[in-house]
Amino acid sequence: MATKHARKEGEAFRYMENAKGLLKTAAIEDNFYLDKKPVREAFGTAYLAILEALNEALIKKGLTAKELPKSVDGYMAAIKKHLSVNNGKLVREFNDLYDTLHIAGYYRGLFKSAGVVKEAMKDAETFIKKILP
């Protein structure tokens, strides 16, 4: 059954809810996650939420599913061309989230601090809300 966010705003918010749910399963002691596996999975899911949001925004701008980007560089180019024509801030935000969520958080598993993890999740959700008003 779809959640309220999924019906209203698409897959991106459903993915973010899943990412938060993964973090709820991870034990925290002294403000640090004890098990990095659910934290890494949450970061990966949050990054997928951003990609889903970008895909939805690009489709709203007229791209077809076949025209959607297939790489990080492709997403950056598409953001520049379709979502932030006169403002490079959105591209920088996407690049920062890519580095934080996908590379450092998911791929390398570098984050254990609950504060850092929660701030990254908040940044991801803020980005999604910005591109899916």
N, C-alpha and C. Protein backbone atom coordinates (compact mmCIF):
# COMPACT_ATOMS: atom_id res chain seq x y z
N MET A 1 0.84 -1.18 0.00
CA MET A 1 0.00 0.00 0.00
C MET A 1 0.88 1.24 0.00
N ALA A 2 0.56 2.20 -0.79
CA ALA A 2 1.35 3.42 -0.92
C ALA A 2 1.16 4.32 0.29
N THR A 3 2.23 5.04 0.63
CA THR A 3 2.13 5.99 1.73
C THR A 3 1.51 7.28 1.24
N LYS A 4 1.18 8.16 2.18
CA LYS A 4 0.59 9.45 1.82
C LYS A 4 1.51 10.23 0.89
N HIS A 5 2.81 10.25 1.21
CA HIS A 5 3.76 10.98 0.37
C HIS A 5 3.87 10.38 -1.02
N ALA A 6 3.86 9.06 -1.12
CA ALA A 6 4.02 8.42 -2.43
C ALA A 6 2.87 8.78 -3.35
N ARG A 7 1.67 8.80 -2.83
CA ARG A 7 0.52 9.15 -3.65
C ARG A 7 0.54 10.62 -4.04
N LYS A 8 0.93 11.46 -3.12
CA LYS A 8 0.88 12.89 -3.36
C LYS A 8 2.06 13.38 -4.19
N GLU A 9 3.25 12.91 -3.91
CA GLU A 9 4.42 13.54 -4.49
C GLU A 9 5.37 12.60 -5.21
N GLY A 10 5.02 11.36 -5.37
CA GLY A 10 5.86 10.47 -6.15
C GLY A 10 6.82 9.62 -5.35
N GLU A 11 7.62 8.93 -6.08
CA GLU A 11 8.54 7.95 -5.50
C GLU A 11 9.63 8.56 -4.63
N ALA A 12 10.05 9.76 -4.91
CA ALA A 12 11.18 10.35 -4.17
C ALA A 12 10.92 10.38 -2.67
N PHE A 13 9.73 10.82 -2.27
CA PHE A 13 9.44 10.88 -0.84
C PHE A 13 9.26 9.50 -0.23
N ARG A 14 8.80 8.56 -1.02
CA ARG A 14 8.70 7.18 -0.54
C ARG A 14 10.09 6.62 -0.25
N TYR A 15 11.04 6.89 -1.13
CA TYR A 15 12.41 6.46 -0.91
C TYR A 15 12.99 7.12 0.34
N MET A 16 12.71 8.42 0.53
CA MET A 16 13.24 9.11 1.72
C MET A 16 12.66 8.49 2.99
N GLU A 17 11.39 8.16 2.97
CA GLU A 17 10.78 7.51 4.14
C GLU A 17 11.45 6.15 4.40
N ASN A 18 11.76 5.43 3.33
CA ASN A 18 12.46 4.15 3.49
C ASN A 18 13.85 4.36 4.09
N ALA A 19 14.55 5.41 3.65
CA ALA A 19 15.88 5.70 4.18
C ALA A 19 15.80 5.99 5.67
N LYS A 20 14.84 6.79 6.07
CA LYS A 20 14.67 7.10 7.49
C LYS A 20 14.32 5.85 8.28
N GLY A 21 13.50 4.99 7.69
CA GLY A 21 13.14 3.74 8.35
C GLY A 21 14.35 2.85 8.59
N LEU A 22 15.26 2.82 7.63
CA LEU A 22 16.49 2.04 7.80
C LEU A 22 17.30 2.55 8.99
N LEU A 23 17.34 3.86 9.15
CA LEU A 23 18.10 4.43 10.27
C LEU A 23 17.46 4.11 11.61
N LYS A 24 16.14 3.99 11.63
CA LYS A 24 15.45 3.67 12.88
C LYS A 24 15.80 2.27 13.38
N THR A 25 16.24 1.41 12.47
CA THR A 25 16.60 0.05 12.88
C THR A 25 18.01 -0.04 13.44
N ALA A 26 18.79 1.01 13.28
CA ALA A 26 20.20 0.99 13.70
C ALA A 26 20.34 1.49 15.13
N ALA A 27 21.08 0.73 15.90
CA ALA A 27 21.32 1.10 17.30
C ALA A 27 22.31 2.27 17.37
N ILE A 28 22.02 3.19 18.30
CA ILE A 28 22.89 4.34 18.53
C ILE A 28 23.38 4.28 19.97
N GLU A 29 24.67 4.51 20.14
CA GLU A 29 25.25 4.59 21.48
C GLU A 29 26.21 5.78 21.51
N ASP A 30 26.04 6.63 22.49
CA ASP A 30 26.86 7.84 22.61
C ASP A 30 26.86 8.66 21.31
N ASN A 31 25.70 8.76 20.69
CA ASN A 31 25.49 9.55 19.46
C ASN A 31 26.22 8.97 18.24
N PHE A 32 26.58 7.71 18.27
CA PHE A 32 27.21 7.04 17.13
C PHE A 32 26.46 5.76 16.81
N TYR A 33 26.28 5.52 15.51
CA TYR A 33 25.66 4.28 15.06
C TYR A 33 26.62 3.13 15.29
N LEU A 34 26.12 2.04 15.84
CA LEU A 34 26.96 0.88 16.14
C LEU A 34 27.16 -0.03 14.94
N ASP A 35 26.20 -0.04 14.03
CA ASP A 35 26.25 -0.92 12.87
C ASP A 35 26.20 -0.06 11.61
N LYS A 36 27.23 -0.12 10.80
CA LYS A 36 27.26 0.76 9.63
C LYS A 36 26.42 0.26 8.46
N LYS A 37 26.03 -1.01 8.46
CA LYS A 37 25.26 -1.54 7.33
C LYS A 37 23.93 -0.79 7.11
N PRO A 38 23.07 -0.63 8.13
CA PRO A 38 21.83 0.10 7.87
C PRO A 38 22.07 1.58 7.54
N VAL A 39 23.15 2.14 8.07
CA VAL A 39 23.48 3.53 7.77
C VAL A 39 23.86 3.66 6.30
N ARG A 40 24.69 2.75 5.82
CA ARG A 40 25.08 2.76 4.41
C ARG A 40 23.87 2.56 3.51
N GLU A 41 22.99 1.63 3.89
CA GLU A 41 21.79 1.39 3.10
C GLU A 41 20.90 2.63 3.08
N ALA A 42 20.81 3.33 4.20
CA ALA A 42 20.00 4.55 4.26
C ALA A 42 20.58 5.63 3.35
N PHE A 43 21.89 5.76 3.34
CA PHE A 43 22.52 6.74 2.45
C PHE A 43 22.26 6.38 0.98
N GLY A 44 22.38 5.12 0.65
CA GLY A 44 22.12 4.70 -0.73
C GLY A 44 20.68 4.95 -1.13
N THR A 45 19.75 4.69 -0.23
CA THR A 45 18.34 4.90 -0.51
C THR A 45 18.02 6.39 -0.63
N ALA A 46 18.64 7.22 0.20
CA ALA A 46 18.43 8.67 0.11
C ALA A 46 18.96 9.20 -1.22
N TYR A 47 20.08 8.68 -1.67
CA TYR A 47 20.61 9.10 -2.97
C TYR A 47 19.65 8.70 -4.10
N LEU A 48 19.11 7.50 -4.00
CA LEU A 48 18.12 7.08 -5.00
C LEU A 48 16.88 7.98 -4.95
N ALA A 49 16.52 8.46 -3.77
CA ALA A 49 15.39 9.39 -3.65
C ALA A 49 15.67 10.66 -4.44
N ILE A 50 16.90 11.14 -4.37
CA ILE A 50 17.27 12.34 -5.12
C ILE A 50 17.18 12.08 -6.62
N LEU A 51 17.66 10.93 -7.06
CA LEU A 51 17.58 10.60 -8.48
C LEU A 51 16.13 10.48 -8.94
N GLU A 52 15.28 9.89 -8.11
CA GLU A 52 13.86 9.78 -8.45
C GLU A 52 13.23 11.17 -8.57
N ALA A 53 13.59 12.06 -7.65
CA ALA A 53 13.06 13.43 -7.70
C ALA A 53 13.52 14.14 -8.97
N LEU A 54 14.78 13.98 -9.29
CA LEU A 54 15.30 14.60 -10.51
C LEU A 54 14.61 14.04 -11.74
N ASN A 55 14.43 12.73 -11.79
CA ASN A 55 13.74 12.12 -12.92
C ASN A 55 12.33 12.69 -13.06
N GLU A 56 11.62 12.79 -11.95
CA GLU A 56 10.25 13.31 -11.98
C GLU A 56 10.24 14.77 -12.45
N ALA A 57 11.18 15.57 -11.95
CA ALA A 57 11.25 16.98 -12.34
C ALA A 57 11.59 17.12 -13.82
N LEU A 58 12.50 16.28 -14.31
CA LEU A 58 12.88 16.35 -15.72
C LEU A 58 11.76 15.90 -16.64
N ILE A 59 11.01 14.90 -16.21
CA ILE A 59 9.85 14.45 -17.00
C ILE A 59 8.81 15.57 -17.06
N LYS A 60 8.63 16.27 -15.94
CA LYS A 60 7.70 17.41 -15.94
C LYS A 60 8.16 18.51 -16.88
N LYS A 61 9.47 18.58 -17.13
CA LYS A 61 10.02 19.58 -18.05
C LYS A 61 9.95 19.12 -19.51
N GLY A 62 9.45 17.90 -19.74
CA GLY A 62 9.24 17.44 -21.10
C GLY A 62 10.14 16.32 -21.58
N LEU A 63 11.08 15.86 -20.75
CA LEU A 63 11.93 14.75 -21.17
C LEU A 63 11.13 13.44 -21.11
N THR A 64 11.49 12.51 -21.96
CA THR A 64 10.87 11.19 -21.90
C THR A 64 11.73 10.30 -21.00
N ALA A 65 11.18 9.17 -20.62
CA ALA A 65 11.93 8.24 -19.77
C ALA A 65 13.24 7.81 -20.43
N LYS A 66 13.24 7.65 -21.74
CA LYS A 66 14.46 7.26 -22.47
C LYS A 66 15.50 8.36 -22.48
N GLU A 67 15.07 9.61 -22.34
CA GLU A 67 15.99 10.76 -22.37
C GLU A 67 16.59 11.09 -21.01
N LEU A 68 16.14 10.43 -19.96
CA LEU A 68 16.66 10.72 -18.63
C LEU A 68 18.15 10.38 -18.55
N PRO A 69 18.89 11.13 -17.74
CA PRO A 69 20.33 10.89 -17.61
C PRO A 69 20.65 9.49 -17.10
N LYS A 70 21.84 9.03 -17.48
CA LYS A 70 22.29 7.70 -17.08
C LYS A 70 23.55 7.75 -16.24
N SER A 71 24.05 8.96 -15.94
CA SER A 71 25.28 9.10 -15.16
C SER A 71 25.19 10.38 -14.32
N VAL A 72 26.09 10.50 -13.37
CA VAL A 72 26.16 11.71 -12.54
C VAL A 72 26.40 12.92 -13.41
N ASP A 73 27.33 12.82 -14.34
CA ASP A 73 27.60 13.94 -15.25
C ASP A 73 26.37 14.27 -16.08
N GLY A 74 25.63 13.27 -16.49
CA GLY A 74 24.41 13.49 -17.24
C GLY A 74 23.37 14.22 -16.41
N TYR A 75 23.26 13.86 -15.12
CA TYR A 75 22.33 14.57 -14.24
C TYR A 75 22.76 16.02 -14.06
N MET A 76 24.05 16.25 -13.90
CA MET A 76 24.52 17.63 -13.74
C MET A 76 24.20 18.46 -14.98
N ALA A 77 24.43 17.89 -16.14
CA ALA A 77 24.13 18.60 -17.39
C ALA A 77 22.62 18.86 -17.52
N ALA A 78 21.81 17.88 -17.14
CA ALA A 78 20.36 18.03 -17.23
C ALA A 78 19.85 19.08 -16.24
N ILE A 79 20.44 19.12 -15.06
CA ILE A 79 20.05 20.13 -14.07
C ILE A 79 20.37 21.52 -14.63
N LYS A 80 21.57 21.67 -15.17
CA LYS A 80 21.97 22.96 -15.76
C LYS A 80 21.02 23.37 -16.88
N LYS A 81 20.69 22.44 -17.74
CA LYS A 81 19.90 22.75 -18.92
C LYS A 81 18.42 22.95 -18.63
N HIS A 82 17.86 22.14 -17.72
CA HIS A 82 16.41 22.13 -17.56
C HIS A 82 15.90 22.67 -16.23
N LEU A 83 16.71 22.60 -15.18
CA LEU A 83 16.18 22.95 -13.86
C LEU A 83 16.79 24.21 -13.25
N SER A 84 17.98 24.57 -13.65
CA SER A 84 18.59 25.77 -13.08
C SER A 84 19.38 26.50 -14.17
N VAL A 85 18.67 26.93 -15.17
CA VAL A 85 19.28 27.52 -16.35
C VAL A 85 20.20 28.70 -16.00
N ASN A 86 19.76 29.57 -15.11
CA ASN A 86 20.54 30.76 -14.78
C ASN A 86 21.16 30.72 -13.39
N ASN A 87 21.21 29.54 -12.77
CA ASN A 87 21.69 29.45 -11.40
C ASN A 87 22.40 28.11 -11.19
N GLY A 88 23.69 28.18 -10.93
CA GLY A 88 24.48 26.96 -10.74
C GLY A 88 24.38 26.37 -9.35
N LYS A 89 23.60 27.01 -8.47
CA LYS A 89 23.51 26.54 -7.08
C LYS A 89 22.94 25.13 -6.99
N LEU A 90 21.93 24.83 -7.79
CA LEU A 90 21.30 23.51 -7.75
C LEU A 90 22.28 22.41 -8.17
N VAL A 91 23.12 22.71 -9.14
CA VAL A 91 24.14 21.74 -9.57
C VAL A 91 25.13 21.50 -8.44
N ARG A 92 25.55 22.56 -7.78
CA ARG A 92 26.49 22.41 -6.66
C ARG A 92 25.87 21.59 -5.53
N GLU A 93 24.60 21.86 -5.24
CA GLU A 93 23.91 21.10 -4.20
C GLU A 93 23.84 19.62 -4.57
N PHE A 94 23.48 19.33 -5.82
CA PHE A 94 23.43 17.93 -6.26
C PHE A 94 24.81 17.28 -6.14
N ASN A 95 25.84 17.98 -6.57
CA ASN A 95 27.20 17.43 -6.50
C ASN A 95 27.60 17.17 -5.04
N ASP A 96 27.28 18.09 -4.14
CA ASP A 96 27.58 17.89 -2.72
C ASP A 96 26.83 16.68 -2.17
N LEU A 97 25.56 16.55 -2.54
CA LEU A 97 24.78 15.41 -2.06
C LEU A 97 25.30 14.10 -2.66
N TYR A 98 25.73 14.14 -3.89
CA TYR A 98 26.33 12.95 -4.51
C TYR A 98 27.56 12.53 -3.71
N ASP A 99 28.44 13.49 -3.41
CA ASP A 99 29.65 13.19 -2.65
C ASP A 99 29.32 12.67 -1.25
N THR A 100 28.37 13.32 -0.59
CA THR A 100 28.03 12.95 0.79
C THR A 100 27.27 11.64 0.86
N LEU A 101 26.16 11.57 0.13
CA LEU A 101 25.29 10.40 0.24
C LEU A 101 25.86 9.17 -0.45
N HIS A 102 26.21 9.33 -1.72
CA HIS A 102 26.60 8.17 -2.51
C HIS A 102 28.05 7.73 -2.25
N ILE A 103 28.97 8.67 -2.33
CA ILE A 103 30.39 8.30 -2.20
C ILE A 103 30.77 8.06 -0.74
N ALA A 104 30.67 9.09 0.10
CA ALA A 104 31.12 8.96 1.49
C ALA A 104 30.19 8.09 2.33
N GLY A 105 28.88 8.29 2.18
CA GLY A 105 27.93 7.57 3.02
C GLY A 105 27.67 6.14 2.61
N TYR A 106 27.37 5.94 1.34
CA TYR A 106 27.04 4.59 0.87
C TYR A 106 28.28 3.79 0.46
N TYR A 107 29.02 4.32 -0.48
CA TYR A 107 30.12 3.58 -1.07
C TYR A 107 31.25 3.32 -0.06
N ARG A 108 31.64 4.36 0.67
CA ARG A 108 32.77 4.22 1.61
C ARG A 108 32.34 3.97 3.05
N GLY A 109 31.10 4.26 3.39
CA GLY A 109 30.62 4.03 4.75
C GLY A 109 31.37 4.83 5.80
N LEU A 110 31.61 6.09 5.52
CA LEU A 110 32.46 6.90 6.40
C LEU A 110 31.73 7.53 7.59
N PHE A 111 30.42 7.59 7.57
CA PHE A 111 29.71 8.32 8.62
C PHE A 111 29.13 7.40 9.68
N LYS A 112 29.41 7.74 10.94
CA LYS A 112 28.87 7.00 12.08
C LYS A 112 28.15 7.92 13.05
N SER A 113 28.48 9.20 13.04
CA SER A 113 27.88 10.17 13.94
C SER A 113 26.41 10.36 13.59
N ALA A 114 25.54 10.18 14.59
CA ALA A 114 24.10 10.32 14.35
C ALA A 114 23.77 11.73 13.89
N GLY A 115 24.43 12.73 14.42
CA GLY A 115 24.18 14.11 14.02
C GLY A 115 24.51 14.36 12.56
N VAL A 116 25.63 13.85 12.12
CA VAL A 116 26.06 14.02 10.72
C VAL A 116 25.10 13.28 9.79
N VAL A 117 24.72 12.08 10.17
CA VAL A 117 23.81 11.28 9.34
C VAL A 117 22.46 11.97 9.22
N LYS A 118 21.93 12.43 10.33
CA LYS A 118 20.62 13.09 10.31
C LYS A 118 20.66 14.39 9.52
N GLU A 119 21.74 15.13 9.59
CA GLU A 119 21.87 16.37 8.82
C GLU A 119 21.93 16.06 7.32
N ALA A 120 22.63 15.01 6.94
CA ALA A 120 22.69 14.63 5.53
C ALA A 120 21.31 14.23 5.02
N MET A 121 20.55 13.50 5.82
CA MET A 121 19.20 13.11 5.42
C MET A 121 18.30 14.35 5.28
N LYS A 122 18.47 15.29 6.19
CA LYS A 122 17.70 16.54 6.11
C LYS A 122 18.05 17.31 4.84
N ASP A 123 19.35 17.36 4.50
CA ASP A 123 19.78 18.05 3.28
C ASP A 123 19.18 17.39 2.03
N ALA A 124 19.13 16.06 2.04
CA ALA A 124 18.55 15.34 0.90
C ALA A 124 17.07 15.68 0.75
N GLU A 125 16.35 15.67 1.85
CA GLU A 125 14.92 15.97 1.79
C GLU A 125 14.67 17.42 1.36
N THR A 126 15.50 18.34 1.82
CA THR A 126 15.39 19.74 1.43
C THR A 126 15.60 19.90 -0.07
N PHE A 127 16.59 19.19 -0.62
CA PHE A 127 16.86 19.24 -2.06
C PHE A 127 15.66 18.73 -2.85
N ILE A 128 15.09 17.63 -2.40
CA ILE A 128 13.94 17.04 -3.08
C ILE A 128 12.76 18.02 -3.08
N LYS A 129 12.51 18.63 -1.95
CA LYS A 129 11.41 19.58 -1.84
C LYS A 129 11.65 20.80 -2.73
N LYS A 130 12.90 21.15 -2.93
CA LYS A 130 13.24 22.29 -3.77
C LYS A 130 12.94 22.01 -5.25
N ILE A 131 13.19 20.78 -5.69
CA ILE A 131 12.99 20.50 -7.11
C ILE A 131 11.60 19.93 -7.43
N LEU A 132 10.88 19.53 -6.38
CA LEU A 132 9.50 19.06 -6.56
C LEU A 132 8.58 19.93 -5.70
N PRO A 133 8.38 21.18 -6.09
CA PRO A 133 7.56 22.08 -5.27
C PRO A 133 6.11 21.66 -5.23
